[in-house]
Full PDB file with SEQRES, HELIX, SHEET, SSBOND, CRYST1, ORIGX, SCALE, CONECT and MASTER records, all heavy atoms in Angstrom:
SEQRES   1 A   44  VAL VAL MET LEU ARG ASN PRO ALA ASP ARG ALA TYR SER          
SEQRES   2 A   44  HIS TYR TRP HIS ASP ARG THR ARG GLY ARG THR GLU SER          
SEQRES   3 A   44  GLU PHE GLY ASP ILE VAL ALA ARG GLU LEU ALA GLY GLU          
SEQRES   4 A   44  ASP ILE GLY PRO ALA                                          
HELIX    1 AA1 PRO A    7  ARG A   19  1                                  13    
HELIX    2 AA2 PHE A   28  LEU A   36  1                                   9    
CRYST1    1.000    1.000    1.000  90.00  90.00  90.00 P 1           1          
ORIGX1      1.000000  0.000000  0.000000        0.00000                         
ORIGX2      0.000000  1.000000  0.000000        0.00000                         
ORIGX3      0.000000  0.000000  1.000000        0.00000                         
SCALE1      1.000000  0.000000  0.000000        0.00000                         
SCALE2      0.000000  1.000000  0.000000        0.00000                         
SCALE3      0.000000  0.000000  1.000000        0.00000                         
ATOM      1  N   VAL A   1       0.858  -1.177   0.000  1.00  0.00           N  
ATOM      2  CA  VAL A   1       0.000   0.000   0.000  1.00  0.00           C  
ATOM      3  C   VAL A   1       0.894   1.227   0.000  1.00  0.00           C  
ATOM      4  O   VAL A   1       1.812   1.332   0.828  1.00  0.00           O  
ATOM      5  CB  VAL A   1      -0.927   0.029   1.233  1.00  0.00           C  
ATOM      6  CG1 VAL A   1      -1.781   1.299   1.232  1.00  0.00           C  
ATOM      7  CG2 VAL A   1      -1.810  -1.219   1.268  1.00  0.00           C  
ATOM      8  N   VAL A   2       0.663   2.133  -0.937  1.00  0.00           N  
ATOM      9  CA  VAL A   2       1.443   3.364  -1.031  1.00  0.00           C  
ATOM     10  C   VAL A   2       0.491   4.551  -0.965  1.00  0.00           C  
ATOM     11  O   VAL A   2      -0.479   4.625  -1.724  1.00  0.00           O  
ATOM     12  CB  VAL A   2       2.267   3.409  -2.339  1.00  0.00           C  
ATOM     13  CG1 VAL A   2       2.772   4.814  -2.612  1.00  0.00           C  
ATOM     14  CG2 VAL A   2       3.441   2.442  -2.255  1.00  0.00           C  
ATOM     15  N   MET A   3       0.766   5.451  -0.045  1.00  0.00           N  
ATOM     16  CA  MET A   3       0.006   6.695   0.077  1.00  0.00           C  
ATOM     17  C   MET A   3       0.817   7.822  -0.557  1.00  0.00           C  
ATOM     18  O   MET A   3       2.006   7.979  -0.267  1.00  0.00           O  
ATOM     19  CB  MET A   3      -0.236   7.016   1.553  1.00  0.00           C  
ATOM     20  CG  MET A   3      -1.004   5.960   2.322  1.00  0.00           C  
ATOM     21  SD  MET A   3      -2.734   5.864   1.836  1.00  0.00           S  
ATOM     22  CE  MET A   3      -3.313   7.508   2.307  1.00  0.00           C  
ATOM     23  N   LEU A   4       0.173   8.596  -1.419  1.00  0.00           N  
ATOM     24  CA  LEU A   4       0.810   9.746  -2.044  1.00  0.00           C  
ATOM     25  C   LEU A   4       0.029  11.011  -1.698  1.00  0.00           C  
ATOM     26  O   LEU A   4      -1.150  10.950  -1.363  1.00  0.00           O  
ATOM     27  CB  LEU A   4       0.872   9.574  -3.565  1.00  0.00           C  
ATOM     28  CG  LEU A   4       1.623   8.342  -4.089  1.00  0.00           C  
ATOM     29  CD1 LEU A   4       1.621   8.340  -5.616  1.00  0.00           C  
ATOM     30  CD2 LEU A   4       3.042   8.288  -3.562  1.00  0.00           C  
ATOM     31  N   ARG A   5       0.715  12.140  -1.812  1.00  0.00           N  
ATOM     32  CA  ARG A   5       0.129  13.428  -1.434  1.00  0.00           C  
ATOM     33  C   ARG A   5       0.685  14.495  -2.365  1.00  0.00           C  
ATOM     34  O   ARG A   5       1.758  14.310  -2.942  1.00  0.00           O  
ATOM     35  CB  ARG A   5       0.522  13.726   0.023  1.00  0.00           C  
ATOM     36  CG  ARG A   5       0.055  15.042   0.601  1.00  0.00           C  
ATOM     37  CD  ARG A   5       0.615  15.201   2.011  1.00  0.00           C  
ATOM     38  NE  ARG A   5       0.085  16.363   2.704  1.00  0.00           N  
ATOM     39  CZ  ARG A   5       0.382  16.688   3.955  1.00  0.00           C  
ATOM     40  NH1 ARG A   5       1.218  15.936   4.649  1.00  0.00           N  
ATOM     41  NH2 ARG A   5      -0.144  17.761   4.516  1.00  0.00           N  
ATOM     42  N   ASN A   6      -0.028  15.595  -2.502  1.00  0.00           N  
ATOM     43  CA  ASN A   6       0.542  16.726  -3.222  1.00  0.00           C  
ATOM     44  C   ASN A   6       2.011  16.845  -2.823  1.00  0.00           C  
ATOM     45  O   ASN A   6       2.325  17.071  -1.648  1.00  0.00           O  
ATOM     46  CB  ASN A   6      -0.213  18.003  -2.845  1.00  0.00           C  
ATOM     47  CG  ASN A   6       0.331  19.241  -3.538  1.00  0.00           C  
ATOM     48  OD1 ASN A   6       1.541  19.462  -3.581  1.00  0.00           O  
ATOM     49  ND2 ASN A   6      -0.547  20.049  -4.072  1.00  0.00           N  
ATOM     50  N   PRO A   7       2.951  16.644  -3.748  1.00  0.00           N  
ATOM     51  CA  PRO A   7       4.369  16.537  -3.349  1.00  0.00           C  
ATOM     52  C   PRO A   7       4.945  17.814  -2.752  1.00  0.00           C  
ATOM     53  O   PRO A   7       5.859  17.746  -1.926  1.00  0.00           O  
ATOM     54  CB  PRO A   7       5.073  16.133  -4.644  1.00  0.00           C  
ATOM     55  CG  PRO A   7       4.137  16.524  -5.738  1.00  0.00           C  
ATOM     56  CD  PRO A   7       2.755  16.407  -5.183  1.00  0.00           C  
ATOM     57  N   ALA A   8       4.410  18.975  -3.147  1.00  0.00           N  
ATOM     58  CA  ALA A   8       4.880  20.219  -2.529  1.00  0.00           C  
ATOM     59  C   ALA A   8       4.424  20.278  -1.074  1.00  0.00           C  
ATOM     60  O   ALA A   8       5.203  20.634  -0.172  1.00  0.00           O  
ATOM     61  CB  ALA A   8       4.360  21.420  -3.310  1.00  0.00           C  
ATOM     62  N   ASP A   9       3.173  19.918  -0.827  1.00  0.00           N  
ATOM     63  CA  ASP A   9       2.668  19.892   0.547  1.00  0.00           C  
ATOM     64  C   ASP A   9       3.388  18.824   1.372  1.00  0.00           C  
ATOM     65  O   ASP A   9       3.657  19.021   2.558  1.00  0.00           O  
ATOM     66  CB  ASP A   9       1.168  19.604   0.549  1.00  0.00           C  
ATOM     67  CG  ASP A   9       0.351  20.744  -0.017  1.00  0.00           C  
ATOM     68  OD1 ASP A   9       0.872  21.874  -0.084  1.00  0.00           O  
ATOM     69  OD2 ASP A   9      -0.813  20.503  -0.401  1.00  0.00           O  
ATOM     70  N   ARG A  10       3.686  17.694   0.746  1.00  0.00           N  
ATOM     71  CA  ARG A  10       4.398  16.626   1.449  1.00  0.00           C  
ATOM     72  C   ARG A  10       5.757  17.116   1.917  1.00  0.00           C  
ATOM     73  O   ARG A  10       6.166  16.900   3.060  1.00  0.00           O  
ATOM     74  CB  ARG A  10       4.569  15.409   0.524  1.00  0.00           C  
ATOM     75  CG  ARG A  10       5.044  14.131   1.222  1.00  0.00           C  
ATOM     76  CD  ARG A  10       6.103  13.394   0.449  1.00  0.00           C  
ATOM     77  NE  ARG A  10       7.354  14.135   0.375  1.00  0.00           N  
ATOM     78  CZ  ARG A  10       8.257  14.192   1.353  1.00  0.00           C  
ATOM     79  NH1 ARG A  10       8.068  13.545   2.481  1.00  0.00           N  
ATOM     80  NH2 ARG A  10       9.362  14.920   1.219  1.00  0.00           N  
ATOM     81  N   ALA A  11       6.479  17.792   1.003  1.00  0.00           N  
ATOM     82  CA  ALA A  11       7.806  18.291   1.333  1.00  0.00           C  
ATOM     83  C   ALA A  11       7.752  19.301   2.473  1.00  0.00           C  
ATOM     84  O   ALA A  11       8.586  19.273   3.398  1.00  0.00           O  
ATOM     85  CB  ALA A  11       8.444  18.928   0.099  1.00  0.00           C  
ATOM     86  N   TYR A  12       6.756  20.179   2.428  1.00  0.00           N  
ATOM     87  CA  TYR A  12       6.651  21.231   3.449  1.00  0.00           C  
ATOM     88  C   TYR A  12       6.268  20.631   4.803  1.00  0.00           C  
ATOM     89  O   TYR A  12       6.796  21.022   5.847  1.00  0.00           O  
ATOM     90  CB  TYR A  12       5.620  22.259   3.003  1.00  0.00           C  
ATOM     91  CG  TYR A  12       5.750  23.607   3.677  1.00  0.00           C  
ATOM     92  CD1 TYR A  12       6.993  24.239   3.783  1.00  0.00           C  
ATOM     93  CD2 TYR A  12       4.629  24.259   4.187  1.00  0.00           C  
ATOM     94  CE1 TYR A  12       7.111  25.484   4.384  1.00  0.00           C  
ATOM     95  CE2 TYR A  12       4.731  25.505   4.785  1.00  0.00           C  
ATOM     96  CZ  TYR A  12       5.978  26.115   4.887  1.00  0.00           C  
ATOM     97  OH  TYR A  12       6.093  27.350   5.486  1.00  0.00           O  
ATOM     98  N   SER A  13       5.359  19.663   4.803  1.00  0.00           N  
ATOM     99  CA  SER A  13       4.990  18.974   6.041  1.00  0.00           C  
ATOM    100  C   SER A  13       6.188  18.239   6.621  1.00  0.00           C  
ATOM    101  O   SER A  13       6.427  18.275   7.840  1.00  0.00           O  
ATOM    102  CB  SER A  13       3.847  17.990   5.761  1.00  0.00           C  
ATOM    103  OG  SER A  13       3.555  17.219   6.901  1.00  0.00           O  
ATOM    104  N   HIS A  14       6.955  17.573   5.775  1.00  0.00           N  
ATOM    105  CA  HIS A  14       8.158  16.851   6.203  1.00  0.00           C  
ATOM    106  C   HIS A  14       9.164  17.834   6.816  1.00  0.00           C  
ATOM    107  O   HIS A  14       9.759  17.553   7.873  1.00  0.00           O  
ATOM    108  CB  HIS A  14       8.753  16.142   4.985  1.00  0.00           C  
ATOM    109  CG  HIS A  14       9.876  15.215   5.290  1.00  0.00           C  
ATOM    110  ND1 HIS A  14      10.474  14.429   4.327  1.00  0.00           N  
ATOM    111  CD2 HIS A  14      10.564  14.951   6.441  1.00  0.00           C  
ATOM    112  CE1 HIS A  14      11.440  13.722   4.862  1.00  0.00           C  
ATOM    113  NE2 HIS A  14      11.523  14.024   6.141  1.00  0.00           N  
ATOM    114  N   TYR A  15       9.334  18.979   6.169  1.00  0.00           N  
ATOM    115  CA  TYR A  15      10.267  19.989   6.671  1.00  0.00           C  
ATOM    116  C   TYR A  15       9.874  20.457   8.078  1.00  0.00           C  
ATOM    117  O   TYR A  15      10.721  20.500   8.994  1.00  0.00           O  
ATOM    118  CB  TYR A  15      10.304  21.179   5.714  1.00  0.00           C  
ATOM    119  CG  TYR A  15      10.917  22.424   6.299  1.00  0.00           C  
ATOM    120  CD1 TYR A  15      12.300  22.560   6.410  1.00  0.00           C  
ATOM    121  CD2 TYR A  15      10.109  23.469   6.758  1.00  0.00           C  
ATOM    122  CE1 TYR A  15      12.865  23.703   6.964  1.00  0.00           C  
ATOM    123  CE2 TYR A  15      10.661  24.612   7.304  1.00  0.00           C  
ATOM    124  CZ  TYR A  15      12.044  24.732   7.409  1.00  0.00           C  
ATOM    125  OH  TYR A  15      12.602  25.865   7.950  1.00  0.00           O  
ATOM    126  N   TRP A  16       8.597  20.778   8.280  1.00  0.00           N  
ATOM    127  CA  TRP A  16       8.175  21.264   9.586  1.00  0.00           C  
ATOM    128  C   TRP A  16       8.192  20.159  10.637  1.00  0.00           C  
ATOM    129  O   TRP A  16       8.449  20.416  11.819  1.00  0.00           O  
ATOM    130  CB  TRP A  16       6.803  21.930   9.492  1.00  0.00           C  
ATOM    131  CG  TRP A  16       6.949  23.340   9.013  1.00  0.00           C  
ATOM    132  CD1 TRP A  16       6.703  23.828   7.764  1.00  0.00           C  
ATOM    133  CD2 TRP A  16       7.441  24.441   9.783  1.00  0.00           C  
ATOM    134  NE1 TRP A  16       7.006  25.164   7.696  1.00  0.00           N  
ATOM    135  CE2 TRP A  16       7.458  25.572   8.920  1.00  0.00           C  
ATOM    136  CE3 TRP A  16       7.857  24.591  11.100  1.00  0.00           C  
ATOM    137  CZ2 TRP A  16       7.874  26.824   9.361  1.00  0.00           C  
ATOM    138  CZ3 TRP A  16       8.274  25.845  11.536  1.00  0.00           C  
ATOM    139  CH2 TRP A  16       8.284  26.938  10.668  1.00  0.00           C  
ATOM    140  N   HIS A  17       7.948  18.940  10.222  1.00  0.00           N  
ATOM    141  CA  HIS A  17       8.094  17.796  11.124  1.00  0.00           C  
ATOM    142  C   HIS A  17       9.534  17.725  11.642  1.00  0.00           C  
ATOM    143  O   HIS A  17       9.768  17.510  12.835  1.00  0.00           O  
ATOM    144  CB  HIS A  17       7.729  16.514  10.367  1.00  0.00           C  
ATOM    145  CG  HIS A  17       7.854  15.267  11.171  1.00  0.00           C  
ATOM    146  ND1 HIS A  17       6.886  14.847  12.066  1.00  0.00           N  
ATOM    147  CD2 HIS A  17       8.833  14.325  11.227  1.00  0.00           C  
ATOM    148  CE1 HIS A  17       7.261  13.718  12.629  1.00  0.00           C  
ATOM    149  NE2 HIS A  17       8.434  13.373  12.142  1.00  0.00           N  
ATOM    150  N   ASP A  18      10.493  17.924  10.746  1.00  0.00           N  
ATOM    151  CA  ASP A  18      11.907  17.896  11.130  1.00  0.00           C  
ATOM    152  C   ASP A  18      12.298  19.135  11.938  1.00  0.00           C  
ATOM    153  O   ASP A  18      13.052  19.048  12.918  1.00  0.00           O  
ATOM    154  CB  ASP A  18      12.786  17.806   9.885  1.00  0.00           C  
ATOM    155  CG  ASP A  18      12.817  16.416   9.281  1.00  0.00           C  
ATOM    156  OD1 ASP A  18      12.228  15.495   9.881  1.00  0.00           O  
ATOM    157  OD2 ASP A  18      13.425  16.245   8.212  1.00  0.00           O  
ATOM    158  N   ARG A  19      11.784  20.282  11.537  1.00  0.00           N  
ATOM    159  CA  ARG A  19      12.197  21.520  12.198  1.00  0.00           C  
ATOM    160  C   ARG A  19      11.743  21.553  13.660  1.00  0.00           C  
ATOM    161  O   ARG A  19      12.505  21.979  14.537  1.00  0.00           O  
ATOM    162  CB  ARG A  19      11.645  22.728  11.443  1.00  0.00           C  
ATOM    163  CG  ARG A  19      12.024  24.055  12.084  1.00  0.00           C  
ATOM    164  CD  ARG A  19      12.020  25.202  11.121  1.00  0.00           C  
ATOM    165  NE  ARG A  19      12.277  26.456  11.798  1.00  0.00           N  
ATOM    166  CZ  ARG A  19      12.570  27.596  11.194  1.00  0.00           C  
ATOM    167  NH1 ARG A  19      12.657  27.631   9.863  1.00  0.00           N  
ATOM    168  NH2 ARG A  19      12.772  28.689  11.877  1.00  0.00           N  
ATOM    169  N   THR A  20      10.528  21.104  13.944  1.00  0.00           N  
ATOM    170  CA  THR A  20      10.056  21.119  15.326  1.00  0.00           C  
ATOM    171  C   THR A  20      10.810  20.120  16.188  1.00  0.00           C  
ATOM    172  O   THR A  20      10.771  20.209  17.419  1.00  0.00           O  
ATOM    173  CB  THR A  20       8.547  20.806  15.398  1.00  0.00           C  
ATOM    174  OG1 THR A  20       8.294  19.519  14.844  1.00  0.00           O  
ATOM    175  CG2 THR A  20       7.747  21.853  14.674  1.00  0.00           C  
ATOM    176  N   ARG A  21      11.493  19.188  15.562  1.00  0.00           N  
ATOM    177  CA  ARG A  21      12.273  18.193  16.287  1.00  0.00           C  
ATOM    178  C   ARG A  21      13.755  18.540  16.316  1.00  0.00           C  
ATOM    179  O   ARG A  21      14.581  17.730  16.719  1.00  0.00           O  
ATOM    180  CB  ARG A  21      12.045  16.804  15.672  1.00  0.00           C  
ATOM    181  CG  ARG A  21      10.671  16.265  16.030  1.00  0.00           C  
ATOM    182  CD  ARG A  21      10.131  15.279  15.027  1.00  0.00           C  
ATOM    183  NE  ARG A  21       8.844  14.749  15.471  1.00  0.00           N  
ATOM    184  CZ  ARG A  21       7.684  15.421  15.354  1.00  0.00           C  
ATOM    185  NH1 ARG A  21       7.663  16.618  14.802  1.00  0.00           N  
ATOM    186  NH2 ARG A  21       6.551  14.889  15.794  1.00  0.00           N  
ATOM    187  N   GLY A  22      14.095  19.740  15.856  1.00  0.00           N  
ATOM    188  CA  GLY A  22      15.460  20.204  15.940  1.00  0.00           C  
ATOM    189  C   GLY A  22      16.407  19.613  14.921  1.00  0.00           C  
ATOM    190  O   GLY A  22      17.624  19.687  15.071  1.00  0.00           O  
ATOM    191  N   ARG A  23      15.862  19.024  13.865  1.00  0.00           N  
ATOM    192  CA  ARG A  23      16.719  18.381  12.867  1.00  0.00           C  
ATOM    193  C   ARG A  23      17.225  19.357  11.806  1.00  0.00           C  
ATOM    194  O   ARG A  23      18.141  19.028  11.058  1.00  0.00           O  
ATOM    195  CB  ARG A  23      15.945  17.242  12.184  1.00  0.00           C  
ATOM    196  CG  ARG A  23      15.560  16.124  13.133  1.00  0.00           C  
ATOM    197  CD  ARG A  23      14.611  15.146  12.505  1.00  0.00           C  
ATOM    198  NE  ARG A  23      14.160  14.145  13.474  1.00  0.00           N  
ATOM    199  CZ  ARG A  23      13.117  13.352  13.293  1.00  0.00           C  
ATOM    200  NH1 ARG A  23      12.410  13.429  12.171  1.00  0.00           N  
ATOM    201  NH2 ARG A  23      12.764  12.484  14.221  1.00  0.00           N  
ATOM    202  N   THR A  24      16.623  20.523  11.725  1.00  0.00           N  
ATOM    203  CA  THR A  24      17.104  21.543  10.800  1.00  0.00           C  
ATOM    204  C   THR A  24      16.700  22.911  11.325  1.00  0.00           C  
ATOM    205  O   THR A  24      15.665  23.050  11.978  1.00  0.00           O  
ATOM    206  CB  THR A  24      16.524  21.351   9.384  1.00  0.00           C  
ATOM    207  OG1 THR A  24      17.062  22.358   8.514  1.00  0.00           O  
ATOM    208  CG2 THR A  24      15.003  21.463   9.370  1.00  0.00           C  
ATOM    209  N   GLU A  25      17.536  23.896  11.046  1.00  0.00           N  
ATOM    210  CA  GLU A  25      17.211  25.280  11.370  1.00  0.00           C  
ATOM    211  C   GLU A  25      17.205  26.142  10.112  1.00  0.00           C  
ATOM    212  O   GLU A  25      16.932  27.332  10.172  1.00  0.00           O  
ATOM    213  CB  GLU A  25      18.213  25.838  12.380  1.00  0.00           C  
ATOM    214  CG  GLU A  25      18.167  25.137  13.736  1.00  0.00           C  
ATOM    215  CD  GLU A  25      19.139  25.726  14.738  1.00  0.00           C  
ATOM    216  OE1 GLU A  25      19.917  26.629  14.338  1.00  0.00           O  
ATOM    217  OE2 GLU A  25      19.132  25.299  15.904  1.00  0.00           O  
ATOM    218  N   SER A  26      17.520  25.537   8.972  1.00  0.00           N  
ATOM    219  CA  SER A  26      17.555  26.271   7.708  1.00  0.00           C  
ATOM    220  C   SER A  26      16.144  26.611   7.255  1.00  0.00           C  
ATOM    221  O   SER A  26      15.176  25.938   7.620  1.00  0.00           O  
ATOM    222  CB  SER A  26      18.245  25.442   6.621  1.00  0.00           C  
ATOM    223  OG  SER A  26      19.576  25.148   6.975  1.00  0.00           O  
ATOM    224  N   GLU A  27      16.032  27.646   6.448  1.00  0.00           N  
ATOM    225  CA  GLU A  27      14.737  28.012   5.875  1.00  0.00           C  
ATOM    226  C   GLU A  27      14.380  27.043   4.754  1.00  0.00           C  
ATOM    227  O   GLU A  27      15.256  26.583   4.009  1.00  0.00           O  
ATOM    228  CB  GLU A  27      14.768  29.441   5.346  1.00  0.00           C  
ATOM    229  CG  GLU A  27      14.939  30.492   6.437  1.00  0.00           C  
ATOM    230  CD  GLU A  27      13.815  30.450   7.466  1.00  0.00           C  
ATOM    231  OE1 GLU A  27      12.640  30.313   7.064  1.00  0.00           O  
ATOM    232  OE2 GLU A  27      14.116  30.541   8.671  1.00  0.00           O  
ATOM    233  N   PHE A  28      13.100  26.761   4.632  1.00  0.00           N  
ATOM    234  CA  PHE A  28      12.638  25.793   3.640  1.00  0.00           C  
ATOM    235  C   PHE A  28      13.054  26.202   2.233  1.00  0.00           C  
ATOM    236  O   PHE A  28      13.538  25.373   1.449  1.00  0.00           O  
ATOM    237  CB  PHE A  28      11.118  25.657   3.730  1.00  0.00           C  
ATOM    238  CG  PHE A  28      10.541  24.639   2.775  1.00  0.00           C  
ATOM    239  CD1 PHE A  28      10.845  23.290   2.906  1.00  0.00           C  
ATOM    240  CD2 PHE A  28       9.684  25.031   1.762  1.00  0.00           C  
ATOM    241  CE1 PHE A  28      10.304  22.340   2.027  1.00  0.00           C  
ATOM    242  CE2 PHE A  28       9.130  24.094   0.891  1.00  0.00           C  
ATOM    243  CZ  PHE A  28       9.444  22.748   1.022  1.00  0.00           C  
ATOM    244  N   GLY A  29      12.884  27.467   1.887  1.00  0.00           N  
ATOM    245  CA  GLY A  29      13.242  27.923   0.551  1.00  0.00           C  
ATOM    246  C   GLY A  29      14.711  27.716   0.231  1.00  0.00           C  
ATOM    247  O   GLY A  29      15.068  27.370  -0.902  1.00  0.00           O  
ATOM    248  N   ASP A  30      15.569  27.913   1.227  1.00  0.00           N  
ATOM    249  CA  ASP A  30      17.003  27.709   1.022  1.00  0.00           C  
ATOM    250  C   ASP A  30      17.317  26.237   0.765  1.00  0.00           C  
ATOM    251  O   ASP A  30      18.127  25.896  -0.108  1.00  0.00           O  
ATOM    252  CB  ASP A  30      17.788  28.203   2.239  1.00  0.00           C  
ATOM    253  CG  ASP A  30      17.701  29.704   2.428  1.00  0.00           C  
ATOM    254  OD1 ASP A  30      17.386  30.401   1.440  1.00  0.00           O  
ATOM    255  OD2 ASP A  30      17.927  30.171   3.563  1.00  0.00           O  
ATOM    256  N   ILE A  31      16.680  25.348   1.542  1.00  0.00           N  
ATOM    257  CA  ILE A  31      16.917  23.914   1.360  1.00  0.00           C  
ATOM    258  C   ILE A  31      16.438  23.469  -0.018  1.00  0.00           C  
ATOM    259  O   ILE A  31      17.127  22.717  -0.716  1.00  0.00           O  
ATOM    260  CB  ILE A  31      16.200  23.107   2.457  1.00  0.00           C  
ATOM    261  CG1 ILE A  31      16.765  23.452   3.828  1.00  0.00           C  
ATOM    262  CG2 ILE A  31      16.344  21.610   2.201  1.00  0.00           C  
ATOM    263  CD1 ILE A  31      16.054  22.770   4.982  1.00  0.00           C  
ATOM    264  N   VAL A  32      15.256  23.940  -0.415  1.00  0.00           N  
ATOM    265  CA  VAL A  32      14.717  23.579  -1.735  1.00  0.00           C  
ATOM    266  C   VAL A  32      15.661  24.045  -2.837  1.00  0.00           C  
ATOM    267  O   VAL A  32      15.944  23.305  -3.789  1.00  0.00           O  
ATOM    268  CB  VAL A  32      13.310  24.173  -1.921  1.00  0.00           C  
ATOM    269  CG1 VAL A  32      12.869  24.076  -3.386  1.00  0.00           C  
ATOM    270  CG2 VAL A  32      12.310  23.462  -1.023  1.00  0.00           C  
ATOM    271  N   ALA A  33      16.144  25.277  -2.726  1.00  0.00           N  
ATOM    272  CA  ALA A  33      17.049  25.805  -3.746  1.00  0.00           C  
ATOM    273  C   ALA A  33      18.310  24.953  -3.853  1.00  0.00           C  
ATOM    274  O   ALA A  33      18.786  24.653  -4.955  1.00  0.00           O  
ATOM    275  CB  ALA A  33      17.404  27.256  -3.425  1.00  0.00           C  
ATOM    276  N   ARG A  34      18.844  24.537  -2.715  1.00  0.00           N  
ATOM    277  CA  ARG A  34      20.057  23.711  -2.726  1.00  0.00           C  
ATOM    278  C   ARG A  34      19.782  22.348  -3.352  1.00  0.00           C  
ATOM    279  O   ARG A  34      20.575  21.848  -4.157  1.00  0.00           O  
ATOM    280  CB  ARG A  34      20.575  23.542  -1.300  1.00  0.00           C  
ATOM    281  CG  ARG A  34      21.237  24.791  -0.733  1.00  0.00           C  
ATOM    282  CD  ARG A  34      21.295  24.766   0.783  1.00  0.00           C  
ATOM    283  NE  ARG A  34      21.726  23.469   1.308  1.00  0.00           N  
ATOM    284  CZ  ARG A  34      21.437  23.035   2.535  1.00  0.00           C  
ATOM    285  NH1 ARG A  34      20.703  23.776   3.347  1.00  0.00           N  
ATOM    286  NH2 ARG A  34      21.878  21.853   2.932  1.00  0.00           N  
ATOM    287  N   GLU A  35      18.644  21.763  -3.006  1.00  0.00           N  
ATOM    288  CA  GLU A  35      18.342  20.435  -3.550  1.00  0.00           C  
ATOM    289  C   GLU A  35      18.052  20.507  -5.046  1.00  0.00           C  
ATOM    290  O   GLU A  35      18.481  19.629  -5.812  1.00  0.00           O  
ATOM    291  CB  GLU A  35      17.160  19.814  -2.798  1.00  0.00           C  
ATOM    292  CG  GLU A  35      17.035  18.330  -3.052  1.00  0.00           C  
ATOM    293  CD  GLU A  35      16.015  17.632  -2.169  1.00  0.00           C  
ATOM    294  OE1 GLU A  35      15.441  18.278  -1.257  1.00  0.00           O  
ATOM    295  OE2 GLU A  35      15.776  16.432  -2.404  1.00  0.00           O  
ATOM    296  N   LEU A  36      17.348  21.544  -5.475  1.00  0.00           N  
ATOM    297  CA  LEU A  36      17.070  21.696  -6.902  1.00  0.00           C  
ATOM    298  C   LEU A  36      18.353  21.964  -7.701  1.00  0.00           C  
ATOM    299  O   LEU A  36      18.421  21.653  -8.889  1.00  0.00           O  
ATOM    300  CB  LEU A  36      16.067  22.827  -7.137  1.00  0.00           C  
ATOM    301  CG  LEU A  36      14.626  22.549  -6.701  1.00  0.00           C  
ATOM    302  CD1 LEU A  36      13.756  23.787  -6.913  1.00  0.00           C  
ATOM    303  CD2 LEU A  36      14.055  21.362  -7.473  1.00  0.00           C  
ATOM    304  N   ALA A  37      19.358  22.512  -7.022  1.00  0.00           N  
ATOM    305  CA  ALA A  37      20.647  22.751  -7.666  1.00  0.00           C  
ATOM    306  C   ALA A  37      21.510  21.498  -7.718  1.00  0.00           C  
ATOM    307  O   ALA A  37      22.620  21.521  -8.252  1.00  0.00           O  
ATOM    308  CB  ALA A  37      21.386  23.879  -6.945  1.00  0.00           C  
ATOM    309  N   GLY A  38      21.020  20.408  -7.146  1.00  0.00           N  
ATOM    310  CA  GLY A  38      21.745  19.142  -7.208  1.00  0.00           C  
ATOM    311  C   GLY A  38      22.509  18.778  -5.957  1.00  0.00           C  
ATOM    312  O   GLY A  38      23.195  17.748  -5.919  1.00  0.00           O  
ATOM    313  N   GLU A  39      22.394  19.590  -4.906  1.00  0.00           N  
ATOM    314  CA  GLU A  39      23.112  19.289  -3.673  1.00  0.00           C  
ATOM    315  C   GLU A  39      22.437  18.150  -2.917  1.00  0.00           C  
ATOM    316  O   GLU A  39      21.206  18.083  -2.832  1.00  0.00           O  
ATOM    317  CB  GLU A  39      23.160  20.538  -2.789  1.00  0.00           C  
ATOM    318  CG  GLU A  39      23.936  20.348  -1.497  1.00  0.00           C  
ATOM    319  CD  GLU A  39      24.007  21.620  -0.673  1.00  0.00           C  
ATOM    320  OE1 GLU A  39      23.921  22.725  -1.251  1.00  0.00           O  
ATOM    321  OE2 GLU A  39      24.147  21.499   0.572  1.00  0.00           O  
ATOM    322  N   ASP A  40      23.228  17.280  -2.364  1.00  0.00           N  
ATOM    323  CA  ASP A  40      22.712  16.205  -1.526  1.00  0.00           C  
ATOM    324  C   ASP A  40      22.482  16.773  -0.135  1.00  0.00           C  
ATOM    325  O   ASP A  40      23.438  17.122   0.564  1.00  0.00           O  
ATOM    326  CB  ASP A  40      23.715  15.049  -1.473  1.00  0.00           C  
ATOM    327  CG  ASP A  40      23.234  13.875  -0.635  1.00  0.00           C  
ATOM    328  OD1 ASP A  40      22.141  13.973  -0.046  1.00  0.00           O  
ATOM    329  OD2 ASP A  40      23.960  12.857  -0.561  1.00  0.00           O  
ATOM    330  N   ILE A  41      21.232  16.859   0.290  1.00  0.00           N  
ATOM    331  CA  ILE A  41      20.936  17.451   1.598  1.00  0.00           C  
ATOM    332  C   ILE A  41      20.769  16.380   2.676  1.00  0.00           C  
ATOM    333  O   ILE A  41      20.359  16.672   3.793  1.00  0.00           O  
ATOM    334  CB  ILE A  41      19.673  18.334   1.543  1.00  0.00           C  
ATOM    335  CG1 ILE A  41      18.435  17.491   1.243  1.00  0.00           C  
ATOM    336  CG2 ILE A  41      19.839  19.457   0.535  1.00  0.00           C  
ATOM    337  CD1 ILE A  41      17.139  18.203   1.571  1.00  0.00           C  
ATOM    338  N   GLY A  42      21.068  15.127   2.329  1.00  0.00           N  
ATOM    339  CA  GLY A  42      20.975  14.059   3.316  1.00  0.00           C  
ATOM    340  C   GLY A  42      19.670  13.286   3.187  1.00  0.00           C  
ATOM    341  O   GLY A  42      18.919  13.442   2.226  1.00  0.00           O  
ATOM    342  N   PRO A  43      19.382  12.453   4.173  1.00  0.00           N  
ATOM    343  CA  PRO A  43      18.237  11.546   4.067  1.00  0.00           C  
ATOM    344  C   PRO A  43      16.879  12.228   4.027  1.00  0.00           C  
ATOM    345  O   PRO A  43      15.895  11.615   3.609  1.00  0.00           O  
ATOM    346  CB  PRO A  43      18.372  10.656   5.319  1.00  0.00           C  
ATOM    347  CG  PRO A  43      19.217  11.437   6.263  1.00  0.00           C  
ATOM    348  CD  PRO A  43      20.146  12.224   5.414  1.00  0.00           C  
ATOM    349  N   ALA A  44      16.796  13.491   4.469  1.00  0.00           N  
ATOM    350  CA  ALA A  44      15.493  14.179   4.418  1.00  0.00           C  
ATOM    351  C   ALA A  44      14.975  14.240   2.983  1.00  0.00           C  
ATOM    352  O   ALA A  44      13.830  13.898   2.701  1.00  0.00           O  
ATOM    353  CB  ALA A  44      15.609  15.579   5.008  1.00  0.00           C  
TER     354      ALA A  44                                                      
MASTER        0    0    0    2    0    0    0    6  353    1    0    4          
END                                                                             
């Protein structure tokens, strides 16, 4: 069974899930820009 969601909303929900747990302090837009540029941002 695979659940899918609007991928932009999924990414933003995942980001805030991590941020409230202290896993990142970077701004979402900055992380997206780095990942779209080809940077490996880790398992997130």
